[in-house]
């Protein structure tokens, strides 16, 4: 489980170099490109982040189409 107020890389992405990093705080959730951490950071409210996570868990909207 990630710690509050520390940037982390998802377990499944670790060691691959092409990932996002996430920062959980008491006020918001921040997401950035791990290769360019000084560039743009996306900011989400806790409710927005929960909705995103719930939709990923519940629906296959994010699955790649069959090849």
N, C-alpha and C. Protein backbone atom coordinates (compact mmCIF):
# COMPACT_ATOMS: atom_id res chain seq x y z
N UNK A 1 0.84 -1.18 0.00
CA UNK A 1 0.00 0.00 0.00
C UNK A 1 0.89 1.24 0.00
N UNK A 2 0.60 2.21 -0.87
CA UNK A 2 1.41 3.42 -0.92
C UNK A 2 1.23 4.27 0.34
N UNK A 3 2.24 5.06 0.61
CA UNK A 3 2.19 5.99 1.73
C UNK A 3 1.61 7.32 1.25
N UNK A 4 0.96 8.03 2.14
CA UNK A 4 0.48 9.38 1.83
C UNK A 4 1.68 10.29 1.63
N UNK A 5 1.54 11.24 0.75
CA UNK A 5 2.52 12.29 0.51
C UNK A 5 3.86 11.78 -0.01
N UNK A 6 3.87 10.64 -0.71
CA UNK A 6 5.07 10.13 -1.37
C UNK A 6 4.70 9.69 -2.78
N UNK A 7 5.48 10.13 -3.78
CA UNK A 7 5.24 9.66 -5.13
C UNK A 7 5.54 8.17 -5.18
N UNK A 8 4.70 7.42 -5.90
CA UNK A 8 4.96 5.99 -6.07
C UNK A 8 4.57 5.54 -7.48
N UNK A 9 5.15 4.44 -7.88
CA UNK A 9 4.86 3.82 -9.17
C UNK A 9 4.05 2.55 -8.89
N UNK A 10 3.00 2.30 -9.65
CA UNK A 10 2.21 1.09 -9.42
C UNK A 10 3.08 -0.17 -9.46
N UNK A 11 2.74 -1.14 -8.64
CA UNK A 11 3.52 -2.38 -8.56
C UNK A 11 3.69 -3.05 -9.91
N UNK A 12 2.66 -3.08 -10.71
CA UNK A 12 2.74 -3.76 -12.01
C UNK A 12 3.58 -3.01 -13.02
N UNK A 13 3.87 -1.76 -12.76
CA UNK A 13 4.67 -0.96 -13.69
C UNK A 13 6.13 -0.83 -13.26
N UNK A 14 6.41 -1.14 -12.05
CA UNK A 14 7.77 -0.94 -11.52
C UNK A 14 8.80 -1.64 -12.40
N UNK A 15 9.92 -0.98 -12.54
CA UNK A 15 11.08 -1.49 -13.29
C UNK A 15 10.89 -1.52 -14.80
N UNK A 16 9.81 -0.97 -15.31
CA UNK A 16 9.63 -0.94 -16.76
C UNK A 16 10.00 0.42 -17.34
N UNK A 17 10.05 1.44 -16.54
CA UNK A 17 10.49 2.75 -17.01
C UNK A 17 9.46 3.60 -17.74
N UNK A 18 8.37 3.03 -18.19
CA UNK A 18 7.34 3.78 -18.90
C UNK A 18 6.07 3.78 -18.08
N UNK A 19 6.02 4.59 -17.07
CA UNK A 19 4.85 4.54 -16.21
C UNK A 19 4.47 5.92 -15.69
N UNK A 20 3.38 5.91 -14.99
CA UNK A 20 2.96 7.11 -14.29
C UNK A 20 3.33 6.95 -12.82
N UNK A 21 3.46 8.06 -12.17
CA UNK A 21 3.65 8.07 -10.73
C UNK A 21 2.45 8.76 -10.12
N UNK A 22 2.08 8.35 -8.94
CA UNK A 22 0.90 8.88 -8.27
C UNK A 22 1.28 9.37 -6.88
N UNK A 23 0.68 10.47 -6.48
CA UNK A 23 0.88 11.04 -5.15
C UNK A 23 -0.49 11.20 -4.51
N UNK A 24 -0.69 10.54 -3.38
CA UNK A 24 -1.95 10.64 -2.65
C UNK A 24 -1.76 11.60 -1.49
N UNK A 25 -2.63 12.60 -1.41
CA UNK A 25 -2.59 13.54 -0.28
C UNK A 25 -3.98 13.61 0.34
N UNK A 26 -4.08 14.30 1.43
CA UNK A 26 -5.38 14.43 2.09
C UNK A 26 -6.35 15.30 1.29
N UNK A 27 -5.83 16.07 0.32
CA UNK A 27 -6.69 16.97 -0.44
C UNK A 27 -6.93 16.54 -1.88
N UNK A 28 -5.98 15.78 -2.47
CA UNK A 28 -6.10 15.44 -3.89
C UNK A 28 -5.21 14.26 -4.23
N UNK A 29 -5.35 13.81 -5.49
CA UNK A 29 -4.50 12.77 -6.05
C UNK A 29 -3.81 13.38 -7.26
N UNK A 30 -2.49 13.23 -7.34
CA UNK A 30 -1.70 13.80 -8.42
C UNK A 30 -1.08 12.67 -9.23
N UNK A 31 -1.03 12.87 -10.55
CA UNK A 31 -0.47 11.87 -11.45
C UNK A 31 0.48 12.58 -12.40
N UNK A 32 1.67 11.95 -12.60
CA UNK A 32 2.66 12.55 -13.50
C UNK A 32 3.39 11.45 -14.27
N UNK A 33 4.08 11.87 -15.32
CA UNK A 33 4.90 10.99 -16.14
C UNK A 33 6.19 10.71 -15.40
N UNK A 34 6.52 9.45 -15.19
CA UNK A 34 7.74 9.12 -14.44
C UNK A 34 9.02 9.53 -15.16
N UNK A 35 8.96 9.63 -16.48
CA UNK A 35 10.15 10.03 -17.24
C UNK A 35 10.33 11.55 -17.29
N UNK A 36 9.27 12.28 -17.02
CA UNK A 36 9.32 13.75 -17.07
C UNK A 36 8.59 14.33 -15.85
N UNK A 37 9.10 14.07 -14.67
CA UNK A 37 8.40 14.48 -13.46
C UNK A 37 8.27 15.99 -13.28
N UNK A 38 9.08 16.77 -13.99
CA UNK A 38 9.01 18.23 -13.86
C UNK A 38 8.00 18.86 -14.80
N UNK A 39 7.39 18.05 -15.65
CA UNK A 39 6.39 18.58 -16.58
C UNK A 39 5.00 18.50 -15.95
N UNK A 40 4.00 18.57 -16.75
CA UNK A 40 2.61 18.66 -16.28
C UNK A 40 2.23 17.55 -15.31
N UNK A 41 1.46 17.92 -14.32
CA UNK A 41 0.90 16.98 -13.35
C UNK A 41 -0.61 17.11 -13.40
N UNK A 42 -1.29 15.98 -13.48
CA UNK A 42 -2.75 15.97 -13.44
C UNK A 42 -3.20 15.94 -11.99
N UNK A 43 -4.29 16.64 -11.69
CA UNK A 43 -4.82 16.69 -10.33
C UNK A 43 -6.27 16.22 -10.34
N UNK A 44 -6.58 15.31 -9.41
CA UNK A 44 -7.94 14.78 -9.28
C UNK A 44 -8.41 14.92 -7.84
N UNK A 45 -9.71 15.16 -7.68
CA UNK A 45 -10.27 15.13 -6.34
C UNK A 45 -10.35 13.66 -5.91
N UNK A 46 -10.55 13.42 -4.63
CA UNK A 46 -10.70 12.04 -4.16
C UNK A 46 -11.91 11.37 -4.81
N UNK A 47 -13.00 12.11 -4.98
CA UNK A 47 -14.19 11.53 -5.61
C UNK A 47 -13.93 11.16 -7.07
N UNK A 48 -13.21 12.02 -7.80
CA UNK A 48 -12.88 11.71 -9.19
C UNK A 48 -11.98 10.47 -9.27
N UNK A 49 -11.01 10.38 -8.37
CA UNK A 49 -10.09 9.24 -8.38
C UNK A 49 -10.83 7.95 -8.05
N UNK A 50 -11.71 7.99 -7.05
CA UNK A 50 -12.51 6.81 -6.71
C UNK A 50 -13.36 6.36 -7.89
N UNK A 51 -13.97 7.31 -8.58
CA UNK A 51 -14.81 6.98 -9.74
C UNK A 51 -13.96 6.32 -10.83
N UNK A 52 -12.78 6.84 -11.07
CA UNK A 52 -11.89 6.25 -12.07
C UNK A 52 -11.50 4.82 -11.68
N UNK A 53 -11.02 4.64 -10.46
CA UNK A 53 -10.61 3.32 -9.99
C UNK A 53 -11.78 2.34 -10.03
N UNK A 54 -12.94 2.77 -9.57
CA UNK A 54 -14.12 1.90 -9.60
C UNK A 54 -14.48 1.49 -11.02
N UNK A 55 -14.38 2.42 -11.96
CA UNK A 55 -14.74 2.09 -13.34
C UNK A 55 -13.73 1.12 -13.95
N UNK A 56 -12.47 1.25 -13.60
CA UNK A 56 -11.46 0.31 -14.10
C UNK A 56 -11.72 -1.08 -13.54
N UNK A 57 -12.07 -1.16 -12.27
CA UNK A 57 -12.34 -2.45 -11.65
C UNK A 57 -13.61 -3.10 -12.20
N UNK A 58 -14.63 -2.29 -12.45
CA UNK A 58 -15.95 -2.82 -12.79
C UNK A 58 -16.15 -3.10 -14.27
N UNK A 59 -15.59 -2.27 -15.13
CA UNK A 59 -15.87 -2.37 -16.55
C UNK A 59 -14.61 -2.69 -17.33
N UNK A 60 -14.79 -3.21 -18.50
CA UNK A 60 -13.65 -3.50 -19.36
C UNK A 60 -13.42 -2.36 -20.36
N UNK A 61 -13.86 -1.17 -20.03
CA UNK A 61 -13.68 -0.01 -20.92
C UNK A 61 -12.22 0.23 -21.26
N UNK A 62 -11.33 -0.18 -20.39
CA UNK A 62 -9.92 0.12 -20.58
C UNK A 62 -9.14 -1.05 -21.15
N UNK A 63 -9.83 -2.12 -21.46
CA UNK A 63 -9.16 -3.27 -22.06
C UNK A 63 -8.87 -2.98 -23.54
N UNK A 64 -7.76 -3.52 -24.02
CA UNK A 64 -7.43 -3.36 -25.42
C UNK A 64 -8.32 -4.26 -26.25
N UNK A 65 -8.69 -3.81 -27.46
CA UNK A 65 -9.52 -4.67 -28.32
C UNK A 65 -8.71 -5.89 -28.77
N UNK A 66 -9.38 -6.98 -29.11
CA UNK A 66 -8.67 -8.17 -29.60
C UNK A 66 -7.94 -7.85 -30.90
N UNK A 67 -6.83 -8.50 -31.11
CA UNK A 67 -6.06 -8.27 -32.35
C UNK A 67 -6.43 -9.28 -33.40
